[in-house]
Amino acid sequence: MTENSRIDVPIKGQASKFSGIVAKGLPKAKHRLVREMIYAVQAGKEIKLSSVAGSLNVPLINTEDRLS
């Protein structure tokens, strides 16, 4: 397990728990969006959409469009 993975797990857990509170009652897709945005802003420490998409560690081709 790398050092980034050890740091990543608690951050994802916190984001998931908080997003469950914030997105309560929303459809599954919107709940996922809220969870990913909270995690990405927390992990990337920036709110620019390209930075948020980059901190999700997924291909950027459609991610930025999906988040917008």
C-alpha atoms as a PDB file:
ATOM      1  CA  MET A   1       0.000   0.000   0.000  1.00  0.00           C
ATOM      2  CA  THR A   2       1.475   3.338  -0.980  1.00  0.00           C
ATOM      3  CA  GLU A   3       1.545   6.421   1.198  1.00  0.00           C
ATOM      4  CA  ASN A   4      -1.085   8.117  -1.002  1.00  0.00           C
ATOM      5  CA  SER A   5      -3.410   5.142  -0.586  1.00  0.00           C
ATOM      6  CA  ARG A   6      -3.155   5.352   3.188  1.00  0.00           C
ATOM      7  CA  ILE A   7      -4.103   9.016   3.094  1.00  0.00           C
ATOM      8  CA  ASP A   8      -6.764   8.505   0.431  1.00  0.00           C
ATOM      9  CA  VAL A   9      -8.849   5.978   2.375  1.00  0.00           C
ATOM     10  CA  PRO A  10      -9.761   8.240   5.337  1.00  0.00           C
ATOM     11  CA  ILE A  11     -10.495  11.174   3.024  1.00  0.00           C
ATOM     12  CA  LYS A  12     -12.836   9.059   0.884  1.00  0.00           C
ATOM     13  CA  GLY A  13     -14.519   7.755   4.027  1.00  0.00           C
ATOM     14  CA  GLN A  14     -15.085  11.258   5.378  1.00  0.00           C
ATOM     15  CA  ALA A  15     -16.393  12.465   2.015  1.00  0.00           C
ATOM     16  CA  SER A  16     -18.720   9.486   1.710  1.00  0.00           C
ATOM     17  CA  LYS A  17     -20.127   9.959   5.210  1.00  0.00           C
ATOM     18  CA  PHE A  18     -20.652  13.698   4.740  1.00  0.00           C
ATOM     19  CA  SER A  19     -22.170  13.266   1.273  1.00  0.00           C
ATOM     20  CA  GLY A  20     -24.651  10.777   2.723  1.00  0.00           C
ATOM     21  CA  ILE A  21     -25.893  13.520   5.013  1.00  0.00           C
ATOM     22  CA  VAL A  22     -25.906  16.247   2.363  1.00  0.00           C
ATOM     23  CA  ALA A  23     -27.417  14.195  -0.477  1.00  0.00           C
ATOM     24  CA  LYS A  24     -30.029  12.332   1.561  1.00  0.00           C
ATOM     25  CA  GLY A  25     -33.084  11.690  -0.588  1.00  0.00           C
ATOM     26  CA  LEU A  26     -31.377  12.390  -3.918  1.00  0.00           C
ATOM     27  CA  PRO A  27     -31.278   9.821  -6.728  1.00  0.00           C
ATOM     28  CA  LYS A  28     -28.245   7.510  -6.872  1.00  0.00           C
ATOM     29  CA  ALA A  29     -26.541   9.401  -9.726  1.00  0.00           C
ATOM     30  CA  LYS A  30     -26.841  12.775  -7.983  1.00  0.00           C
ATOM     31  CA  HIS A  31     -25.662  11.259  -4.712  1.00  0.00           C
ATOM     32  CA  ARG A  32     -22.565   9.957  -6.522  1.00  0.00           C
ATOM     33  CA  LEU A  33     -21.961  13.413  -8.010  1.00  0.00           C
ATOM     34  CA  VAL A  34     -22.153  15.044  -4.575  1.00  0.00           C
ATOM     35  CA  ARG A  35     -19.789  12.409  -3.112  1.00  0.00           C
ATOM     36  CA  GLU A  36     -17.250  12.821  -5.921  1.00  0.00           C
ATOM     37  CA  MET A  37     -17.350  16.623  -5.797  1.00  0.00           C
ATOM     38  CA  ILE A  38     -16.882  16.714  -2.016  1.00  0.00           C
ATOM     39  CA  TYR A  39     -13.985  14.250  -2.196  1.00  0.00           C
ATOM     40  CA  ALA A  40     -12.332  16.003  -5.125  1.00  0.00           C
ATOM     41  CA  VAL A  41     -12.540  19.482  -3.619  1.00  0.00           C
ATOM     42  CA  GLN A  42     -11.203  18.164  -0.313  1.00  0.00           C
ATOM     43  CA  ALA A  43      -8.393  16.170  -1.948  1.00  0.00           C
ATOM     44  CA  GLY A  44      -7.446  18.735  -4.578  1.00  0.00           C
ATOM     45  CA  LYS A  45      -7.904  21.809  -2.373  1.00  0.00           C
ATOM     46  CA  GLU A  46      -9.230  23.689  -5.404  1.00  0.00           C
ATOM     47  CA  ILE A  47     -12.659  24.292  -6.871  1.00  0.00           C
ATOM     48  CA  LYS A  48     -11.684  24.664 -10.534  1.00  0.00           C
ATOM     49  CA  LEU A  49     -13.518  21.957 -12.465  1.00  0.00           C
ATOM     50  CA  SER A  50     -10.404  20.723 -14.263  1.00  0.00           C
ATOM     51  CA  SER A  51      -8.598  20.337 -10.920  1.00  0.00           C
ATOM     52  CA  VAL A  52     -11.587  18.581  -9.390  1.00  0.00           C
ATOM     53  CA  ALA A  53     -11.749  16.133 -12.308  1.00  0.00           C
ATOM     54  CA  GLY A  54      -8.003  15.520 -12.069  1.00  0.00           C
ATOM     55  CA  SER A  55      -8.111  14.657  -8.377  1.00  0.00           C
ATOM     56  CA  LEU A  56     -10.646  11.867  -8.982  1.00  0.00           C
ATOM     57  CA  ASN A  57      -7.931   9.740 -10.641  1.00  0.00           C
ATOM     58  CA  VAL A  58     -10.149   8.738 -13.565  1.00  0.00           C
ATOM     59  CA  PRO A  59      -9.778   9.501 -17.285  1.00  0.00           C
ATOM     60  CA  LEU A  60     -10.439  13.177 -17.937  1.00  0.00           C
ATOM     61  CA  ILE A  61     -12.042  12.731 -21.362  1.00  0.00           C
ATOM     62  CA  ASN A  62     -15.671  12.865 -20.205  1.00  0.00           C
ATOM     63  CA  THR A  63     -15.278  13.454 -16.485  1.00  0.00           C
ATOM     64  CA  GLU A  64     -15.076  17.222 -16.697  1.00  0.00           C
ATOM     65  CA  ASP A  65     -18.181  17.335 -18.912  1.00  0.00           C
ATOM     66  CA  ARG A  66     -20.079  14.991 -16.597  1.00  0.00           C
ATOM     67  CA  LEU A  67     -19.251  17.057 -13.527  1.00  0.00           C
ATOM     68  CA  SER A  68     -20.235  20.297 -15.208  1.00  0.00           C
END
